[in-house]
Structure formats: structure tokens, C-alpha cells
Amino acid sequence: MAGRCSESSMPPQSQFPVHPRVIAAFDFDGTLTRRDTFVPFLAHLSWARLLGALLAAAPALTGCALRLRSNEHAKAALCRAALKGRSRAELARIARAWVHTIPLRSALVERLHWHQQRGDHCVLVSASPDIYLEEASRHLGFSDLICTRMSTDGQGRLTGDFDGPNCWGPEKMRRLTERFGPRGRYELYAYGDSRGDQWMIDAAQHAWYRGQAVKP
């Protein structure tokens, strides 16, 4: 399943070039990974709470399956049920160990390393939430992160709500443009595997879709 997309703080954004010459934008779930990661992370936190959250969010999930509700509505309902009240610091600690267990696609990881060795500005662009993607992006050596962000209250606990729009589809490209400026300022490589990545694929000079070069 795929809030405000976040530009993460690793490393601090002041260290990022204002106008990178080349940007390599990678989707996460299904592109770099072999599976969805959101539900497995919730299960890792607590199977019991996940099952309860699935029951609580069942009407929204059913509406999404029947195309009566949006994917964003269904995910928001699941997040509220599964994550409300959780400590962000605790989740970061759990995620730091968990991200090492995510099964990755070796060919796409090799492609990421190719960009990193060239000195390209590598950005993880995903609809998955920041509560574990910040750790995953550090683990993989990304320079930047744009993703769904979870809202936190004054005590550092999740409210269960998104902090802005879902980072999916056109929102991915909108946030890339907001962060790096108009497309003519840089050369874009895009990597994706689903309809939600199509806007990045269309905008890129070079693109790979489901592991296949569609714009070499």
C-alpha cells in the first residue's frame, strides 16, 4: 500500500547540491525490494495489533478493493489503527535493525551502486512511510529521501495521520520538482514498478520499469 512526502534529514539538506547534474530516483517497494514492506513492518511491530488494525480498517480496505475508496483513504485508516500513539524514537530503533532483513533485488541494488559510484544524486522516492524508510535510505546509502510522512504530536508520538498528501503518482514528481527545480536543470534517471511511478518514468530521460530499460 502506498502522507506529506518527506525530504529526510540524512544527511542535513544543507549538504545537498542545489541543482544536481544527474538525479537517480528509485521507487522502493517492488523496485528495490522483492515485496511490499509496509504491512511486514507493521507485523514486525506487533502481529496482534496488526490484526486488530486490519479489523478496524476493514470497511476502508474493502471500499478500496471495490474501488469505492481511494488507496490513500484505506492506508490512512490502517495507519490510524496500527500506529496511533507509537513513539517515533522507538520505531526508529526497531526499524534500524529491521531494514537489514528486507529482501532486495540485486540487479537494482547494483544499479544504485553504479549511480553512487558515478557521483549522481540518488533519491529514494516512495509512498511508504518515513518511520522506517529513513533507516532504509541510510542503510542503502541514498543522498536524499522523498516519501510519505507520518504526523507526530508534541510528545514525539504518532497521531496516526499523514503529514500532508500521499506520496504516490503525480505527487512523487511534484515533490521532485519542488525539491530540485524544473526538469531542464538536471538529467533524470527513474526506476519504478507500478502505475504510481508512471509520472517519474514519463518525465525521465532514462527509465527502467520492472527491471527493464524503457528509456535506455
Protein backbone atom coordinates (compact mmCIF):
# COMPACT_ATOMS: atom_id res chain seq x y z
CA MET A 1 0.00 0.00 0.00
CA ALA A 2 1.27 3.21 -0.66
CA GLY A 3 1.23 11.47 3.56
CA ARG A 4 3.40 14.77 3.07
CA CYS A 5 6.32 13.40 1.25
CA SER A 6 9.34 13.97 3.34
CA GLU A 7 12.74 15.17 2.44
CA SER A 8 14.61 13.36 5.14
CA SER A 9 17.36 14.80 7.27
CA MET A 10 20.11 12.33 6.37
CA PRO A 11 22.49 14.00 5.76
CA PRO A 12 21.25 17.54 6.55
CA GLN A 13 19.72 19.14 3.49
CA SER A 14 22.18 22.00 3.64
CA GLN A 15 24.76 19.48 2.40
CA PHE A 16 22.77 18.71 -0.75
CA PRO A 17 23.72 20.44 -4.02
CA VAL A 18 21.05 22.95 -5.01
CA HIS A 19 20.97 21.79 -8.62
CA PRO A 20 22.44 18.29 -9.06
CA ARG A 21 23.61 17.49 -12.58
CA VAL A 22 22.15 13.98 -12.50
CA ILE A 23 19.36 12.66 -10.28
CA ALA A 24 18.62 8.94 -9.96
CA ALA A 25 15.14 8.47 -8.47
CA PHE A 26 14.32 4.99 -7.16
CA ASP A 27 10.94 3.70 -6.02
CA PHE A 28 11.22 1.30 -3.09
CA ASP A 29 8.53 -1.41 -2.80
CA GLY A 30 8.71 -3.83 -5.71
CA THR A 31 11.53 -1.90 -7.37
CA LEU A 32 14.46 -2.15 -4.95
CA THR A 33 12.66 -4.72 -2.81
CA ARG A 34 11.13 -8.07 -3.66
CA ARG A 35 7.91 -7.37 -1.74
CA ASP A 36 5.76 -4.74 -0.13
CA THR A 37 7.36 -3.52 3.11
CA PHE A 38 4.63 -1.57 4.90
CA VAL A 39 2.46 -4.45 6.16
CA PRO A 40 5.51 -6.61 7.02
CA PHE A 41 6.85 -3.74 9.15
CA LEU A 42 3.52 -3.44 10.96
CA ALA A 43 3.57 -7.20 11.53
CA HIS A 44 7.12 -6.97 12.88
CA LEU A 45 5.94 -4.36 15.38
CA SER A 46 3.02 -6.47 16.59
CA TRP A 47 1.02 -9.20 14.87
CA ALA A 48 -1.77 -8.79 17.41
CA ARG A 49 -2.06 -5.06 16.88
CA LEU A 50 -1.87 -5.51 13.10
CA LEU A 51 -4.74 -8.00 13.12
CA GLY A 52 -6.79 -5.62 15.27
CA ALA A 53 -5.95 -2.74 12.92
CA LEU A 54 -6.99 -4.77 9.88
CA LEU A 55 -10.34 -5.44 11.51
CA ALA A 56 -10.80 -1.79 12.44
CA ALA A 57 -9.84 -0.64 8.93
CA ALA A 58 -11.81 -3.37 7.18
CA PRO A 59 -14.57 -1.06 5.84
CA ALA A 60 -11.99 1.27 4.26
CA LEU A 61 -9.92 -1.63 2.92
CA THR A 62 -13.00 -3.25 1.43
CA GLY A 63 -14.03 0.03 -0.14
CA CYS A 64 -10.58 0.32 -1.71
CA ALA A 65 -10.75 -3.24 -3.07
CA LEU A 66 -14.14 -2.43 -4.62
CA ARG A 67 -12.76 0.86 -5.99
CA LEU A 68 -15.25 2.81 -3.89
CA ARG A 69 -12.50 4.37 -1.78
CA SER A 70 -9.00 5.53 -2.63
CA ASN A 71 -5.85 3.69 -1.70
CA GLU A 72 -4.88 6.73 0.37
CA HIS A 73 -8.11 6.54 2.39
CA ALA A 74 -7.59 2.83 3.10
CA LYS A 75 -3.96 3.26 4.10
CA ALA A 76 -4.80 6.23 6.33
CA ALA A 77 -7.39 4.13 8.16
CA LEU A 78 -4.88 1.31 8.67
CA CYS A 79 -2.19 3.71 9.90
CA ARG A 80 -4.51 5.27 12.46
CA ALA A 81 -5.47 1.87 13.82
CA ALA A 82 -1.95 0.39 13.81
CA LEU A 83 0.33 3.31 14.63
CA LYS A 84 -1.50 5.93 16.69
CA GLY A 85 0.34 6.52 19.96
CA ARG A 86 3.56 4.76 18.95
CA SER A 87 6.81 6.53 19.86
CA ARG A 88 8.70 7.76 16.79
CA ALA A 89 12.02 7.22 18.57
CA GLU A 90 11.09 3.65 19.44
CA LEU A 91 10.01 2.96 15.85
CA ALA A 92 13.31 4.32 14.55
CA ARG A 93 15.21 1.99 16.86
CA ILE A 94 13.18 -1.01 15.71
CA ALA A 95 13.50 -0.03 12.05
CA ARG A 96 17.28 0.34 12.33
CA ALA A 97 17.62 -3.41 12.86
CA TRP A 98 14.66 -4.49 10.74
CA VAL A 99 15.66 -2.84 7.45
CA HIS A 100 18.64 -5.19 7.15
CA THR A 101 16.17 -8.08 6.74
CA ILE A 102 14.31 -6.63 3.74
CA PRO A 103 14.82 -8.82 0.65
CA LEU A 104 16.30 -6.69 -2.13
CA ARG A 105 16.58 -7.07 -5.89
CA SER A 106 20.28 -7.46 -6.53
CA ALA A 107 20.15 -6.07 -10.07
CA LEU A 108 18.54 -2.82 -8.90
CA VAL A 109 20.91 -2.53 -5.94
CA GLU A 110 23.79 -2.89 -8.40
CA ARG A 111 22.22 -0.14 -10.49
CA LEU A 112 22.01 2.07 -7.39
CA HIS A 113 25.68 1.41 -6.67
CA TRP A 114 26.52 2.35 -10.28
CA HIS A 115 24.87 5.74 -9.80
CA GLN A 116 26.56 6.22 -6.43
CA GLN A 117 29.99 5.44 -7.89
CA ARG A 118 29.37 7.99 -10.65
CA GLY A 119 28.58 10.61 -8.03
CA ASP A 120 24.93 11.00 -9.09
CA HIS A 121 22.41 12.38 -6.58
CA CYS A 122 20.42 9.28 -5.59
CA VAL A 123 16.92 9.85 -4.20
CA LEU A 124 14.58 7.28 -2.69
CA VAL A 125 11.04 8.29 -3.76
CA SER A 126 8.33 6.18 -2.18
CA ALA A 127 4.75 6.10 -0.95
CA SER A 128 5.91 4.07 2.06
CA PRO A 129 6.23 5.93 5.38
CA ASP A 130 9.22 7.69 6.87
CA ILE A 131 9.00 5.70 10.12
CA TYR A 132 11.23 3.05 8.55
CA LEU A 133 12.25 4.50 5.18
CA GLU A 134 14.60 6.97 6.86
CA GLU A 135 16.55 3.99 8.18
CA ALA A 136 16.28 2.09 4.88
CA SER A 137 17.60 5.06 2.92
CA ARG A 138 20.57 5.37 5.27
CA HIS A 139 21.24 1.65 5.01
CA LEU A 140 21.29 1.81 1.19
CA GLY A 141 23.36 5.00 1.07
CA PHE A 142 20.82 7.32 -0.55
CA SER A 143 21.62 11.03 -0.61
CA ASP A 144 18.01 12.11 -0.22
CA LEU A 145 14.56 10.83 0.68
CA ILE A 146 11.10 11.83 -0.51
CA CYS A 147 8.31 9.73 0.99
CA THR A 148 5.04 9.62 2.89
CA ARG A 149 5.47 11.31 6.24
CA MET A 150 3.65 10.46 9.46
CA SER A 151 2.44 13.22 11.76
CA THR A 152 3.77 13.40 15.34
CA ASP A 153 2.30 15.10 18.41
CA GLY A 154 4.17 17.27 20.92
CA GLN A 155 5.37 14.21 22.85
CA GLY A 156 7.03 12.53 19.87
CA ARG A 157 4.21 10.02 19.35
CA LEU A 158 2.48 9.31 16.07
CA THR A 159 -1.02 10.72 15.68
CA GLY A 160 -1.77 8.01 13.11
CA ASP A 161 -2.41 10.66 10.43
CA PHE A 162 -0.35 11.63 7.39
CA ASP A 163 1.53 14.90 7.46
CA GLY A 164 0.29 16.02 4.03
CA PRO A 165 -0.70 14.27 0.79
CA ASN A 166 0.13 10.68 -0.03
CA CYS A 167 3.43 10.40 -1.91
CA TRP A 168 2.12 8.46 -4.85
CA GLY A 169 1.81 9.03 -8.59
CA PRO A 170 1.94 12.69 -9.62
CA GLU A 171 2.87 13.68 -6.06
CA LYS A 172 6.23 11.94 -6.49
CA MET A 173 7.12 14.07 -9.49
CA ARG A 174 5.69 17.21 -7.90
CA ARG A 175 7.94 16.76 -4.88
CA LEU A 176 10.99 16.07 -7.04
CA THR A 177 10.29 19.29 -8.96
CA GLU A 178 9.71 21.22 -5.73
CA ARG A 179 12.99 19.95 -4.30
CA PHE A 180 15.25 20.24 -7.35
CA GLY A 181 13.54 22.75 -9.64
CA PRO A 182 12.29 22.50 -13.24
CA ARG A 183 13.21 19.40 -15.18
CA GLY A 184 15.59 21.21 -17.52
CA ARG A 185 18.07 21.78 -14.71
CA TYR A 186 19.14 18.15 -14.37
CA GLU A 187 19.21 14.77 -16.09
CA LEU A 188 16.73 12.33 -14.55
CA TYR A 189 17.02 8.55 -14.26
CA ALA A 190 13.85 6.92 -12.91
CA TYR A 191 13.26 3.38 -11.61
CA GLY A 192 9.79 2.03 -10.82
CA ASP A 193 7.50 -0.95 -10.97
CA SER A 194 3.88 0.25 -10.75
CA ARG A 195 1.33 2.74 -12.02
CA GLY A 196 2.26 5.06 -9.18
CA ASP A 197 5.72 5.51 -10.74
CA GLN A 198 4.48 6.37 -14.22
CA TRP A 199 4.81 10.15 -13.77
CA MET A 200 8.50 9.78 -12.90
CA ILE A 201 9.02 7.37 -15.78
CA ASP A 202 7.36 9.75 -18.24
CA ALA A 203 9.43 12.74 -17.05
CA ALA A 204 12.79 10.96 -17.10
CA GLN A 205 15.30 10.91 -19.93
CA HIS A 206 16.34 7.41 -18.82
CA ALA A 207 13.93 4.98 -17.19
CA TRP A 208 13.64 1.38 -16.04
CA TYR A 209 10.26 -0.23 -15.38
CA ARG A 210 10.08 -3.58 -13.59
CA GLY A 211 13.77 -4.09 -14.21
CA GLN A 212 13.58 -3.45 -17.95
CA ALA A 213 15.00 -0.39 -19.68
CA VAL A 214 12.15 1.53 -21.32
CA LYS A 215 14.26 4.65 -21.93
CA PRO A 216 17.89 3.46 -22.08
